[in-house]
Amino acid sequence: MPILRQIAAYASVGAVATAVHYAILLGLVEGGGWRPVPATLLGYVAGGVVAYVLNRRHVFDSDRSHAEAGWRFGATAFLGFCITFALMSLFVERLGAPYLLAQIVTTVLAMFVTFAVNRRWTFG
């Protein structure tokens, strides 16, 4: 798949996974009284499951086995998880930024890193 089309497909899958992530974040913070950092991490995991299924099928058309691609995706997701934890902790807890603005910036930065890793290593 041409790179621009692949980026567009990755962004579309990311939008769906991010919607799952944000729905959990908002529900837990606003409805459940959770603190933003634990809520966003749980949302990140749920969004990651959605992202694996859709990226494997619609973005990277990988022929790697699920056993191999799965652990690689998990490792890449863990990298994104660590980026999310570090940036949200910095922005919200240290700098006092509004959690939704911090989450938007965090999501964009993590997306660029994980796309590159998934394209070259996970599914490539």
PDB file of N, CA and C in Angstrom:
ATOM      1  N   MET A   1       0.860  -1.181   0.000  1.00  0.00           N
ATOM      2  CA  MET A   1       0.000   0.000   0.000  1.00  0.00           C
ATOM      3  C   MET A   1       0.901   1.238   0.000  1.00  0.00           C
ATOM      4  N   PRO A   2       0.596   2.222  -0.829  1.00  0.00           N
ATOM      5  CA  PRO A   2       1.382   3.464  -0.830  1.00  0.00           C
ATOM      6  C   PRO A   2       1.375   4.123   0.558  1.00  0.00           C
ATOM      7  N   ILE A   3       2.478   4.763   0.883  1.00  0.00           N
ATOM      8  CA  ILE A   3       2.675   5.303   2.232  1.00  0.00           C
ATOM      9  C   ILE A   3       1.589   6.300   2.631  1.00  0.00           C
ATOM     10  N   LEU A   4       1.185   7.184   1.739  1.00  0.00           N
ATOM     11  CA  LEU A   4       0.159   8.169   2.113  1.00  0.00           C
ATOM     12  C   LEU A   4      -1.176   7.495   2.408  1.00  0.00           C
ATOM     13  N   ARG A   5      -1.510   6.494   1.608  1.00  0.00           N
ATOM     14  CA  ARG A   5      -2.745   5.744   1.869  1.00  0.00           C
ATOM     15  C   ARG A   5      -2.637   4.978   3.186  1.00  0.00           C
ATOM     16  N   GLN A   6      -1.455   4.428   3.442  1.00  0.00           N
ATOM     17  CA  GLN A   6      -1.237   3.687   4.684  1.00  0.00           C
ATOM     18  C   GLN A   6      -1.346   4.611   5.895  1.00  0.00           C
ATOM     19  N   ILE A   7      -0.788   5.794   5.796  1.00  0.00           N
ATOM     20  CA  ILE A   7      -0.897   6.757   6.896  1.00  0.00           C
ATOM     21  C   ILE A   7      -2.354   7.142   7.122  1.00  0.00           C
ATOM     22  N   ALA A   8      -3.086   7.362   6.033  1.00  0.00           N
ATOM     23  CA  ALA A   8      -4.512   7.704   6.164  1.00  0.00           C
ATOM     24  C   ALA A   8      -5.295   6.560   6.805  1.00  0.00           C
ATOM     25  N   ALA A   9      -5.009   5.332   6.389  1.00  0.00           N
ATOM     26  CA  ALA A   9      -5.686   4.174   6.983  1.00  0.00           C
ATOM     27  C   ALA A   9      -5.311   4.029   8.456  1.00  0.00           C
ATOM     28  N   TYR A  10      -4.030   4.233   8.766  1.00  0.00           N
ATOM     29  CA  TYR A  10      -3.568   4.149  10.156  1.00  0.00           C
ATOM     30  C   TYR A  10      -4.250   5.218  11.010  1.00  0.00           C
ATOM     31  N   ALA A  11      -4.369   6.408  10.460  1.00  0.00           N
ATOM     32  CA  ALA A  11      -5.046   7.489  11.188  1.00  0.00           C
ATOM     33  C   ALA A  11      -6.519   7.157  11.410  1.00  0.00           C
ATOM     34  N   SER A  12      -7.155   6.543  10.420  1.00  0.00           N
ATOM     35  CA  SER A  12      -8.566   6.154  10.575  1.00  0.00           C
ATOM     36  C   SER A  12      -8.734   5.096  11.653  1.00  0.00           C
ATOM     37  N   VAL A  13      -7.884   4.088  11.614  1.00  0.00           N
ATOM     38  CA  VAL A  13      -7.916   3.062  12.660  1.00  0.00           C
ATOM     39  C   VAL A  13      -7.613   3.710  14.007  1.00  0.00           C
ATOM     40  N   GLY A  14      -6.651   4.599  14.009  1.00  0.00           N
ATOM     41  CA  GLY A  14      -6.314   5.308  15.240  1.00  0.00           C
ATOM     42  C   GLY A  14      -7.474   6.117  15.783  1.00  0.00           C
ATOM     43  N   ALA A  15      -8.259   6.697  14.885  1.00  0.00           N
ATOM     44  CA  ALA A  15      -9.432   7.469  15.329  1.00  0.00           C
ATOM     45  C   ALA A  15     -10.441   6.571  16.036  1.00  0.00           C
ATOM     46  N   VAL A  16     -10.659   5.384  15.495  1.00  0.00           N
ATOM     47  CA  VAL A  16     -11.587   4.443  16.138  1.00  0.00           C
ATOM     48  C   VAL A  16     -11.032   4.000  17.492  1.00  0.00           C
ATOM     49  N   ALA A  17      -9.754   3.616  17.514  1.00  0.00           N
ATOM     50  CA  ALA A  17      -9.139   3.180  18.770  1.00  0.00           C
ATOM     51  C   ALA A  17      -9.098   4.318  19.790  1.00  0.00           C
ATOM     52  N   THR A  18      -8.841   5.525  19.308  1.00  0.00           N
ATOM     53  CA  THR A  18      -8.811   6.688  20.193  1.00  0.00           C
ATOM     54  C   THR A  18     -10.194   6.994  20.752  1.00  0.00           C
ATOM     55  N   ALA A  19     -11.225   6.810  19.944  1.00  0.00           N
ATOM     56  CA  ALA A  19     -12.595   7.015  20.439  1.00  0.00           C
ATOM     57  C   ALA A  19     -12.894   6.058  21.587  1.00  0.00           C
ATOM     58  N   VAL A  20     -12.455   4.817  21.456  1.00  0.00           N
ATOM     59  CA  VAL A  20     -12.621   3.849  22.550  1.00  0.00           C
ATOM     60  C   VAL A  20     -11.844   4.327  23.776  1.00  0.00           C
ATOM     61  N   HIS A  21     -10.591   4.727  23.552  1.00  0.00           N
ATOM     62  CA  HIS A  21      -9.727   5.218  24.632  1.00  0.00           C
ATOM     63  C   HIS A  21     -10.371   6.404  25.359  1.00  0.00           C
ATOM     64  N   TYR A  22     -10.789   7.404  24.601  1.00  0.00           N
ATOM     65  CA  TYR A  22     -11.352   8.616  25.194  1.00  0.00           C
ATOM     66  C   TYR A  22     -12.690   8.349  25.879  1.00  0.00           C
ATOM     67  N   ALA A  23     -13.494   7.459  25.321  1.00  0.00           N
ATOM     68  CA  ALA A  23     -14.776   7.133  25.957  1.00  0.00           C
ATOM     69  C   ALA A  23     -14.544   6.541  27.340  1.00  0.00           C
ATOM     70  N   ILE A  24     -13.560   5.670  27.443  1.00  0.00           N
ATOM     71  CA  ILE A  24     -13.234   5.087  28.745  1.00  0.00           C
ATOM     72  C   ILE A  24     -12.649   6.154  29.664  1.00  0.00           C
ATOM     73  N   LEU A  25     -11.730   6.966  29.154  1.00  0.00           N
ATOM     74  CA  LEU A  25     -11.142   8.052  29.945  1.00  0.00           C
ATOM     75  C   LEU A  25     -12.215   8.974  30.507  1.00  0.00           C
ATOM     76  N   LEU A  26     -13.073   9.465  29.641  1.00  0.00           N
ATOM     77  CA  LEU A  26     -14.125  10.392  30.084  1.00  0.00           C
ATOM     78  C   LEU A  26     -15.104   9.723  31.044  1.00  0.00           C
ATOM     79  N   GLY A  27     -15.499   8.507  30.720  1.00  0.00           N
ATOM     80  CA  GLY A  27     -16.440   7.801  31.584  1.00  0.00           C
ATOM     81  C   GLY A  27     -15.895   7.578  32.979  1.00  0.00           C
ATOM     82  N   LEU A  28     -14.627   7.183  33.056  1.00  0.00           N
ATOM     83  CA  LEU A  28     -14.039   6.908  34.367  1.00  0.00           C
ATOM     84  C   LEU A  28     -13.754   8.186  35.155  1.00  0.00           C
ATOM     85  N   VAL A  29     -13.256   9.229  34.474  1.00  0.00           N
ATOM     86  CA  VAL A  29     -12.951  10.485  35.180  1.00  0.00           C
ATOM     87  C   VAL A  29     -14.233  11.222  35.559  1.00  0.00           C
ATOM     88  N   GLU A  30     -15.093  11.443  34.577  1.00  0.00           N
ATOM     89  CA  GLU A  30     -16.293  12.254  34.818  1.00  0.00           C
ATOM     90  C   GLU A  30     -17.398  11.471  35.521  1.00  0.00           C
ATOM     91  N   GLY A  31     -17.529  10.201  35.204  1.00  0.00           N
ATOM     92  CA  GLY A  31     -18.615   9.412  35.777  1.00  0.00           C
ATOM     93  C   GLY A  31     -18.215   8.550  36.953  1.00  0.00           C
ATOM     94  N   GLY A  32     -16.945   8.168  36.986  1.00  0.00           N
ATOM     95  CA  GLY A  32     -16.511   7.241  38.026  1.00  0.00           C
ATOM     96  C   GLY A  32     -15.608   7.839  39.081  1.00  0.00           C
ATOM     97  N   GLY A  33     -15.248   9.107  38.931  1.00  0.00           N
ATOM     98  CA  GLY A  33     -14.405   9.758  39.926  1.00  0.00           C
ATOM     99  C   GLY A  33     -12.951   9.307  39.916  1.00  0.00           C
ATOM    100  N   TRP A  34     -12.516   8.673  38.834  1.00  0.00           N
ATOM    101  CA  TRP A  34     -11.127   8.228  38.750  1.00  0.00           C
ATOM    102  C   TRP A  34     -10.208   9.423  38.504  1.00  0.00           C
ATOM    103  N   ARG A  35      -8.936   9.245  38.848  1.00  0.00           N
ATOM    104  CA  ARG A  35      -7.910  10.222  38.475  1.00  0.00           C
ATOM    105  C   ARG A  35      -7.571  10.027  37.001  1.00  0.00           C
ATOM    106  N   PRO A  36      -7.165  11.082  36.303  1.00  0.00           N
ATOM    107  CA  PRO A  36      -6.943  10.984  34.859  1.00  0.00           C
ATOM    108  C   PRO A  36      -5.880   9.977  34.413  1.00  0.00           C
ATOM    109  N   VAL A  37      -4.767   9.867  35.121  1.00  0.00           N
ATOM    110  CA  VAL A  37      -3.693   8.998  34.634  1.00  0.00           C
ATOM    111  C   VAL A  37      -4.100   7.522  34.637  1.00  0.00           C
ATOM    112  N   PRO A  38      -4.616   6.962  35.741  1.00  0.00           N
ATOM    113  CA  PRO A  38      -5.050   5.555  35.668  1.00  0.00           C
ATOM    114  C   PRO A  38      -6.172   5.338  34.654  1.00  0.00           C
ATOM    115  N   ALA A  39      -7.078   6.294  34.547  1.00  0.00           N
ATOM    116  CA  ALA A  39      -8.187   6.164  33.596  1.00  0.00           C
ATOM    117  C   ALA A  39      -7.683   6.143  32.159  1.00  0.00           C
ATOM    118  N   THR A  40      -6.712   6.988  31.841  1.00  0.00           N
ATOM    119  CA  THR A  40      -6.201   7.018  30.476  1.00  0.00           C
ATOM    120  C   THR A  40      -5.418   5.757  30.147  1.00  0.00           C
ATOM    121  N   LEU A  41      -4.747   5.184  31.132  1.00  0.00           N
ATOM    122  CA  LEU A  41      -3.996   3.960  30.873  1.00  0.00           C
ATOM    123  C   LEU A  41      -4.928   2.784  30.586  1.00  0.00           C
ATOM    124  N   LEU A  42      -6.029   2.680  31.314  1.00  0.00           N
ATOM    125  CA  LEU A  42      -7.014   1.635  31.030  1.00  0.00           C
ATOM    126  C   LEU A  42      -7.627   1.846  29.648  1.00  0.00           C
ATOM    127  N   GLY A  43      -7.947   3.084  29.321  1.00  0.00           N
ATOM    128  CA  GLY A  43      -8.464   3.392  27.997  1.00  0.00           C
ATOM    129  C   GLY A  43      -7.468   3.061  26.902  1.00  0.00           C
ATOM    130  N   TYR A  44      -6.203   3.287  27.169  1.00  0.00           N
ATOM    131  CA  TYR A  44      -5.148   2.989  26.196  1.00  0.00           C
ATOM    132  C   TYR A  44      -5.110   1.501  25.871  1.00  0.00           C
ATOM    133  N   VAL A  45      -5.214   0.669  26.888  1.00  0.00           N
ATOM    134  CA  VAL A  45      -5.186  -0.780  26.674  1.00  0.00           C
ATOM    135  C   VAL A  45      -6.376  -1.227  25.819  1.00  0.00           C
ATOM    136  N   ALA A  46      -7.560  -0.753  26.144  1.00  0.00           N
ATOM    137  CA  ALA A  46      -8.755  -1.125  25.373  1.00  0.00           C
ATOM    138  C   ALA A  46      -8.637  -0.660  23.921  1.00  0.00           C
ATOM    139  N   GLY A  47      -8.175   0.559  23.727  1.00  0.00           N
ATOM    140  CA  GLY A  47      -7.967   1.060  22.377  1.00  0.00           C
ATOM    141  C   GLY A  47      -6.912   0.261  21.628  1.00  0.00           C
ATOM    142  N   GLY A  48      -5.922  -0.236  22.346  1.00  0.00           N
ATOM    143  CA  GLY A  48      -4.875  -1.045  21.731  1.00  0.00           C
ATOM    144  C   GLY A  48      -5.387  -2.345  21.139  1.00  0.00           C
ATOM    145  N   VAL A  49      -6.317  -2.973  21.821  1.00  0.00           N
ATOM    146  CA  VAL A  49      -6.907  -4.210  21.297  1.00  0.00           C
ATOM    147  C   VAL A  49      -7.639  -3.926  19.983  1.00  0.00           C
ATOM    148  N   VAL A  50      -8.413  -2.868  19.971  1.00  0.00           N
ATOM    149  CA  VAL A  50      -9.120  -2.465  18.752  1.00  0.00           C
ATOM    150  C   VAL A  50      -8.112  -2.161  17.640  1.00  0.00           C
ATOM    151  N   ALA A  51      -7.051  -1.454  17.972  1.00  0.00           N
ATOM    152  CA  ALA A  51      -6.045  -1.064  16.981  1.00  0.00           C
ATOM    153  C   ALA A  51      -5.347  -2.273  16.369  1.00  0.00           C
ATOM    154  N   TYR A  52      -5.012  -3.272  17.162  1.00  0.00           N
ATOM    155  CA  TYR A  52      -4.332  -4.456  16.621  1.00  0.00           C
ATOM    156  C   TYR A  52      -5.183  -5.125  15.551  1.00  0.00           C
ATOM    157  N   VAL A  53      -6.416  -5.392  15.897  1.00  0.00           N
ATOM    158  CA  VAL A  53      -7.304  -6.102  14.974  1.00  0.00           C
ATOM    159  C   VAL A  53      -7.465  -5.324  13.670  1.00  0.00           C
ATOM    160  N   LEU A  54      -7.747  -4.036  13.769  1.00  0.00           N
ATOM    161  CA  LEU A  54      -7.987  -3.238  12.566  1.00  0.00           C
ATOM    162  C   LEU A  54      -6.710  -2.953  11.771  1.00  0.00           C
ATOM    163  N   ASN A  55      -5.587  -2.696  12.453  1.00  0.00           N
ATOM    164  CA  ASN A  55      -4.335  -2.432  11.745  1.00  0.00           C
ATOM    165  C   ASN A  55      -3.831  -3.662  11.005  1.00  0.00           C
ATOM    166  N   ARG A  56      -3.897  -4.801  11.633  1.00  0.00           N
ATOM    167  CA  ARG A  56      -3.429  -6.030  10.993  1.00  0.00           C
ATOM    168  C   ARG A  56      -4.212  -6.297   9.713  1.00  0.00           C
ATOM    169  N   ARG A  57      -5.506  -6.109   9.780  1.00  0.00           N
ATOM    170  CA  ARG A  57      -6.374  -6.448   8.651  1.00  0.00           C
ATOM    171  C   ARG A  57      -6.408  -5.356   7.583  1.00  0.00           C
ATOM    172  N   HIS A  58      -6.491  -4.090   7.985  1.00  0.00           N
ATOM    173  CA  HIS A  58      -6.795  -3.022   7.031  1.00  0.00           C
ATOM    174  C   HIS A  58      -5.637  -2.087   6.692  1.00  0.00           C
ATOM    175  N   VAL A  59      -4.597  -2.057   7.501  1.00  0.00           N
ATOM    176  CA  VAL A  59      -3.518  -1.089   7.256  1.00  0.00           C
ATOM    177  C   VAL A  59      -2.259  -1.766   6.729  1.00  0.00           C
ATOM    178  N   PHE A  60      -1.800  -2.790   7.421  1.00  0.00           N
ATOM    179  CA  PHE A  60      -0.504  -3.368   7.091  1.00  0.00           C
ATOM    180  C   PHE A  60      -0.594  -4.667   6.295  1.00  0.00           C
ATOM    181  N   ASP A  61      -1.767  -5.272   6.221  1.00  0.00           N
ATOM    182  CA  ASP A  61      -1.973  -6.504   5.451  1.00  0.00           C
ATOM    183  C   ASP A  61      -0.807  -7.464   5.666  1.00  0.00           C
ATOM    184  N   SER A  62      -0.526  -7.735   6.919  1.00  0.00           N
ATOM    185  CA  SER A  62       0.652  -8.490   7.306  1.00  0.00           C
ATOM    186  C   SER A  62       0.458  -9.988   7.115  1.00  0.00           C
ATOM    187  N   ASP A  63       1.538 -10.659   6.721  1.00  0.00           N
ATOM    188  CA  ASP A  63       1.499 -12.115   6.649  1.00  0.00           C
ATOM    189  C   ASP A  63       2.215 -12.758   7.835  1.00  0.00           C
ATOM    190  N   ARG A  64       2.639 -11.961   8.776  1.00  0.00           N
ATOM    191  CA  ARG A  64       3.218 -12.516  10.001  1.00  0.00           C
ATOM    192  C   ARG A  64       2.132 -13.267  10.760  1.00  0.00           C
ATOM    193  N   SER A  65       2.548 -14.315  11.443  1.00  0.00           N
ATOM    194  CA  SER A  65       1.586 -15.055  12.256  1.00  0.00           C
ATOM    195  C   SER A  65       1.095 -14.163  13.396  1.00  0.00           C
ATOM    196  N   HIS A  66      -0.091 -14.492  13.906  1.00  0.00           N
ATOM    197  CA  HIS A  66      -0.602 -13.738  15.058  1.00  0.00           C
ATOM    198  C   HIS A  66       0.346 -13.874  16.249  1.00  0.00           C
ATOM    199  N   ALA A  67       0.955 -15.035  16.382  1.00  0.00           N
ATOM    200  CA  ALA A  67       1.881 -15.238  17.506  1.00  0.00           C
ATOM    201  C   ALA A  67       3.048 -14.259  17.429  1.00  0.00           C
ATOM    202  N   GLU A  68       3.606 -14.078  16.240  1.00  0.00           N
ATOM    203  CA  GLU A  68       4.736 -13.160  16.098  1.00  0.00           C
ATOM    204  C   GLU A  68       4.286 -11.703  16.085  1.00  0.00           C
ATOM    205  N   ALA A  69       3.303 -11.385  15.260  1.00  0.00           N
ATOM    206  CA  ALA A  69       2.831  -9.998  15.184  1.00  0.00           C
ATOM    207  C   ALA A  69       2.203  -9.564  16.501  1.00  0.00           C
ATOM    208  N   GLY A  70       1.543 -10.488  17.172  1.00  0.00           N
ATOM    209  CA  GLY A  70       0.865 -10.151  18.424  1.00  0.00           C
ATOM    210  C   GLY A  70       1.818  -9.665  19.502  1.00  0.00           C
ATOM    211  N   TRP A  71       2.919 -10.408  19.709  1.00  0.00           N
ATOM    212  CA  TRP A  71       3.843  -9.970  20.760  1.00  0.00           C
ATOM    213  C   TRP A  71       4.572  -8.697  20.347  1.00  0.00           C
ATOM    214  N   ARG A  72       4.846  -8.563  19.055  1.00  0.00           N
ATOM    215  CA  ARG A  72       5.492  -7.332  18.588  1.00  0.00           C
ATOM    216  C   ARG A  72       4.556  -6.131  18.763  1.00  0.00           C
ATOM    217  N   PHE A  73       3.283  -6.344  18.426  1.00  0.00           N
ATOM    218  CA  PHE A  73       2.313  -5.272  18.623  1.00  0.00           C
ATOM    219  C   PHE A  73       2.192  -4.944  20.110  1.00  0.00           C
ATOM    220  N   GLY A  74       2.188  -5.981  20.937  1.00  0.00           N
ATOM    221  CA  GLY A  74       2.136  -5.766  22.382  1.00  0.00           C
ATOM    222  C   GLY A  74       3.321  -4.955  22.882  1.00  0.00           C
ATOM    223  N   ALA A  75       4.511  -5.269  22.376  1.00  0.00           N
ATOM    224  CA  ALA A  75       5.705  -4.515  22.771  1.00  0.00           C
ATOM    225  C   ALA A  75       5.615  -3.067  22.296  1.00  0.00           C
ATOM    226  N   THR A  76       5.122  -2.882  21.078  1.00  0.00           N
ATOM    227  CA  THR A  76       4.953  -1.528  20.548  1.00  0.00           C
ATOM    228  C   THR A  76       3.886  -0.769  21.328  1.00  0.00           C
ATOM    229  N   ALA A  77       2.802  -1.452  21.651  1.00  0.00           N
ATOM    230  CA  ALA A  77       1.751  -0.831  22.462  1.00  0.00           C
ATOM    231  C   ALA A  77       2.290  -0.464  23.841  1.00  0.00           C
ATOM    232  N   PHE A  78       3.151  -1.322  24.391  1.00  0.00           N
ATOM    233  CA  PHE A  78       3.749  -1.007  25.691  1.00  0.00           C
ATOM    234  C   PHE A  78       4.630   0.239  25.593  1.00  0.00           C
ATOM    235  N   LEU A  79       5.351   0.378  24.493  1.00  0.00           N
ATOM    236  CA  LEU A  79       6.118   1.607  24.269  1.00  0.00           C
ATOM    237  C   LEU A  79       5.180   2.810  24.264  1.00  0.00           C
ATOM    238  N   GLY A  80       4.080   2.705  23.536  1.00  0.00           N
ATOM    239  CA  GLY A  80       3.087   3.782  23.520  1.00  0.00           C
ATOM    240  C   GLY A  80       2.483   4.026  24.890  1.00  0.00           C
ATOM    241  N   PHE A  81       2.257   2.946  25.633  1.00  0.00           N
ATOM    242  CA  PHE A  81       1.745   3.030  26.999  1.00  0.00           C
ATOM    243  C   PHE A  81       2.711   3.838  27.870  1.00  0.00           C
ATOM    244  N   CYS A  82       4.006   3.542  27.751  1.00  0.00           N
ATOM    245  CA  CYS A  82       5.020   4.263  28.534  1.00  0.00           C
ATOM    246  C   CYS A  82       5.095   5.735  28.131  1.00  0.00           C
ATOM    247  N   ILE A  83       4.997   5.999  26.832  1.00  0.00           N
ATOM    248  CA  ILE A  83       4.969   7.382  26.360  1.00  0.00           C
ATOM    249  C   ILE A  83       3.749   8.097  26.936  1.00  0.00           C
ATOM    250  N   THR A  84       2.596   7.424  26.897  1.00  0.00           N
ATOM    251  CA  THR A  84       1.361   7.995  27.435  1.00  0.00           C
ATOM    252  C   THR A  84       1.496   8.284  28.925  1.00  0.00           C
ATOM    253  N   PHE A  85       2.010   7.326  29.669  1.00  0.00           N
ATOM    254  CA  PHE A  85       2.196   7.516  31.111  1.00  0.00           C
ATOM    255  C   PHE A  85       3.122   8.699  31.392  1.00  0.00           C
ATOM    256  N   ALA A  86       4.261   8.724  30.706  1.00  0.00           N
ATOM    257  CA  ALA A  86       5.248   9.774  30.964  1.00  0.00           C
ATOM    258  C   ALA A  86       4.706  11.155  30.610  1.00  0.00           C
ATOM    259  N   LEU A  87       4.101  11.271  29.435  1.00  0.00           N
ATOM    260  CA  LEU A  87       3.619  12.586  29.012  1.00  0.00           C
ATOM    261  C   LEU A  87       2.419  13.056  29.828  1.00  0.00           C
ATOM    262  N   MET A  88       1.470  12.159  30.093  1.00  0.00           N
ATOM    263  CA  MET A  88       0.307  12.562  30.902  1.00  0.00           C
ATOM    264  C   MET A  88       0.733  12.923  32.319  1.00  0.00           C
ATOM    265  N   SER A  89       1.667  12.173  32.882  1.00  0.00           N
ATOM    266  CA  SER A  89       2.167  12.506  34.217  1.00  0.00           C
ATOM    267  C   SER A  89       2.832  13.876  34.215  1.00  0.00           C
ATOM    268  N   LEU A  90       3.641  14.129  33.197  1.00  0.00           N
ATOM    269  CA  LEU A  90       4.312  15.422  33.080  1.00  0.00           C
ATOM    270  C   LEU A  90       3.306  16.548  32.904  1.00  0.00           C
ATOM    271  N   PHE A  91       2.439  16.415  31.912  1.00  0.00           N
ATOM    272  CA  PHE A  91       1.518  17.501  31.581  1.00  0.00           C
ATOM    273  C   PHE A  91       0.490  17.763  32.675  1.00  0.00           C
ATOM    274  N   VAL A  92      -0.124  16.704  33.198  1.00  0.00           N
ATOM    275  CA  VAL A  92      -1.238  16.868  34.143  1.00  0.00           C
ATOM    276  C   VAL A  92      -0.742  17.045  35.571  1.00  0.00           C
ATOM    277  N   GLU A  93       0.106  16.120  36.024  1.00  0.00           N
ATOM    278  CA  GLU A  93       0.488  16.127  37.437  1.00  0.00           C
ATOM    279  C   GLU A  93       1.608  17.107  37.756  1.00  0.00           C
ATOM    280  N   ARG A  94       2.530  17.298  36.843  1.00  0.00           N
ATOM    281  CA  ARG A  94       3.639  18.223  37.110  1.00  0.00           C
ATOM    282  C   ARG A  94       3.343  19.649  36.663  1.00  0.00           C
ATOM    283  N   LEU A  95       2.780  19.775  35.455  1.00  0.00           N
ATOM    284  CA  LEU A  95       2.576  21.105  34.885  1.00  0.00           C
ATOM    285  C   LEU A  95       1.171  21.645  35.101  1.00  0.00           C
ATOM    286  N   GLY A  96       0.255  20.795  35.558  1.00  0.00           N
ATOM    287  CA  GLY A  96      -1.111  21.230  35.835  1.00  0.00           C
ATOM    288  C   GLY A  96      -1.947  21.527  34.604  1.00  0.00           C
ATOM    289  N   ALA A  97      -1.592  20.934  33.475  1.00  0.00           N
ATOM    290  CA  ALA A  97      -2.356  21.159  32.240  1.00  0.00           C
ATOM    291  C   ALA A  97      -3.721  20.481  32.333  1.00  0.00           C
ATOM    292  N   PRO A  98      -4.722  20.999  31.643  1.00  0.00           N
ATOM    293  CA  PRO A  98      -6.019  20.323  31.586  1.00  0.00           C
ATOM    294  C   PRO A  98      -5.838  18.935  30.960  1.00  0.00           C
ATOM    295  N   TYR A  99      -6.465  17.933  31.563  1.00  0.00           N
ATOM    296  CA  TYR A  99      -6.187  16.565  31.148  1.00  0.00           C
ATOM    297  C   TYR A  99      -6.587  16.263  29.705  1.00  0.00           C
ATOM    298  N   LEU A 100      -7.654  16.874  29.198  1.00  0.00           N
ATOM    299  CA  LEU A 100      -8.046  16.583  27.814  1.00  0.00           C
ATOM    300  C   LEU A 100      -7.068  17.185  26.806  1.00  0.00           C
ATOM    301  N   LEU A 101      -6.610  18.397  27.045  1.00  0.00           N
ATOM    302  CA  LEU A 101      -5.597  18.992  26.175  1.00  0.00           C
ATOM    303  C   LEU A 101      -4.313  18.163  26.227  1.00  0.00           C
ATOM    304  N   ALA A 102      -3.918  17.774  27.422  1.00  0.00           N
ATOM    305  CA  ALA A 102      -2.728  16.936  27.580  1.00  0.00           C
ATOM    306  C   ALA A 102      -2.894  15.617  26.837  1.00  0.00           C
ATOM    307  N   GLN A 103      -4.087  15.048  26.890  1.00  0.00           N
ATOM    308  CA  GLN A 103      -4.331  13.774  26.213  1.00  0.00           C
ATOM    309  C   GLN A 103      -4.255  13.917  24.698  1.00  0.00           C
ATOM    310  N   ILE A 104      -4.741  15.019  24.160  1.00  0.00           N
ATOM    311  CA  ILE A 104      -4.674  15.238  22.711  1.00  0.00           C
ATOM    312  C   ILE A 104      -3.219  15.310  22.249  1.00  0.00           C
ATOM    313  N   VAL A 105      -2.412  16.090  22.933  1.00  0.00           N
ATOM    314  CA  VAL A 105      -0.993  16.211  22.581  1.00  0.00           C
ATOM    315  C   VAL A 105      -0.301  14.855  22.717  1.00  0.00           C
ATOM    316  N   THR A 106      -0.582  14.161  23.799  1.00  0.00           N
ATOM    317  CA  THR A 106       0.003  12.845  24.042  1.00  0.00           C
ATOM    318  C   THR A 106      -0.377  11.859  22.946  1.00  0.00           C
ATOM    319  N   THR A 107      -1.628  11.858  22.554  1.00  0.00           N
ATOM    320  CA  THR A 107      -2.106  10.940  21.517  1.00  0.00           C
ATOM    321  C   THR A 107      -1.376  11.164  20.199  1.00  0.00           C
ATOM    322  N   VAL A 108      -1.226  12.403  19.796  1.00  0.00           N
ATOM    323  CA  VAL A 108      -0.560  12.711  18.526  1.00  0.00           C
ATOM    324  C   VAL A 108       0.903  12.263  18.560  1.00  0.00           C
ATOM    325  N   LEU A 109       1.599  12.571  19.623  1.00  0.00           N
ATOM    326  CA  LEU A 109       3.012  12.192  19.717  1.00  0.00           C
ATOM    327  C   LEU A 109       3.186  10.677  19.732  1.00  0.00           C
ATOM    328  N   ALA A 110       2.374   9.998  20.515  1.00  0.00           N
ATOM    329  CA  ALA A 110       2.463   8.536  20.583  1.00  0.00           C
ATOM    330  C   ALA A 110       2.112   7.902  19.236  1.00  0.00           C
ATOM    331  N   MET A 111       1.181   8.489  18.503  1.00  0.00           N
ATOM    332  CA  MET A 111       0.781   7.944  17.206  1.00  0.00           C
ATOM    333  C   MET A 111       1.945   7.915  16.218  1.00  0.00           C
ATOM    334  N   PHE A 112       2.702   8.989  16.146  1.00  0.00           N
ATOM    335  CA  PHE A 112       3.819   9.024  15.206  1.00  0.00           C
ATOM    336  C   PHE A 112       4.871   7.965  15.542  1.00  0.00           C
ATOM    337  N   VAL A 113       5.163   7.812  16.811  1.00  0.00           N
ATOM    338  CA  VAL A 113       6.153   6.814  17.226  1.00  0.00           C
ATOM    339  C   VAL A 113       5.662   5.405  16.912  1.00  0.00           C
ATOM    340  N   THR A 114       4.430   5.088  17.305  1.00  0.00           N
ATOM    341  CA  THR A 114       3.944   3.722  17.111  1.00  0.00           C
ATOM    342  C   THR A 114       3.704   3.382  15.637  1.00  0.00           C
ATOM    343  N   PHE A 115       3.326   4.349  14.810  1.00  0.00           N
ATOM    344  CA  PHE A 115       3.196   4.068  13.371  1.00  0.00           C
ATOM    345  C   PHE A 115       4.532   3.606  12.811  1.00  0.00           C
ATOM    346  N   ALA A 116       5.578   4.344  13.107  1.00  0.00           N
ATOM    347  CA  ALA A 116       6.899   4.007  12.576  1.00  0.00           C
ATOM    348  C   ALA A 116       7.339   2.617  13.029  1.00  0.00           C
ATOM    349  N   VAL A 117       7.148   2.310  14.296  1.00  0.00           N
ATOM    350  CA  VAL A 117       7.558   1.006  14.819  1.00  0.00           C
ATOM    351  C   VAL A 117       6.688  -0.106  14.233  1.00  0.00           C
ATOM    352  N   ASN A 118       5.386   0.100  14.180  1.00  0.00           N
ATOM    353  CA  ASN A 118       4.504  -0.925  13.619  1.00  0.00           C
ATOM    354  C   ASN A 118       4.796  -1.182  12.145  1.00  0.00           C
ATOM    355  N   ARG A 119       5.044  -0.149  11.409  1.00  0.00           N
ATOM    356  CA  ARG A 119       5.301  -0.292   9.971  1.00  0.00           C
ATOM    357  C   ARG A 119       6.591  -1.057   9.705  1.00  0.00           C
ATOM    358  N   ARG A 120       7.626  -0.741  10.433  1.00  0.00           N
ATOM    359  CA  ARG A 120       8.933  -1.346  10.164  1.00  0.00           C
ATOM    360  C   ARG A 120       9.137  -2.691  10.863  1.00  0.00           C
ATOM    361  N   TRP A 121       8.608  -2.830  12.067  1.00  0.00           N
ATOM    362  CA  TRP A 121       8.975  -3.980  12.892  1.00  0.00           C
ATOM    363  C   TRP A 121       7.811  -4.926  13.167  1.00  0.00           C
ATOM    364  N   THR A 122       6.685  -4.413  13.597  1.00  0.00           N
ATOM    365  CA  THR A 122       5.579  -5.275  14.004  1.00  0.00           C
ATOM    366  C   THR A 122       4.997  -6.047  12.833  1.00  0.00           C
ATOM    367  N   PHE A 123       4.604  -5.328  11.804  1.00  0.00           N
ATOM    368  CA  PHE A 123       3.909  -5.940  10.678  1.00  0.00           C
ATOM    369  C   PHE A 123       4.753  -6.010   9.410  1.00  0.00           C
ATOM    370  N   GLY A 124       5.903  -5.338   9.397  1.00  0.00           N
ATOM    371  CA  GLY A 124       6.722  -5.235   8.192  1.00  0.00           C
ATOM    372  C   GLY A 124       7.519  -6.470   7.855  1.00  0.00           C
TER     373      GLY A 124
END
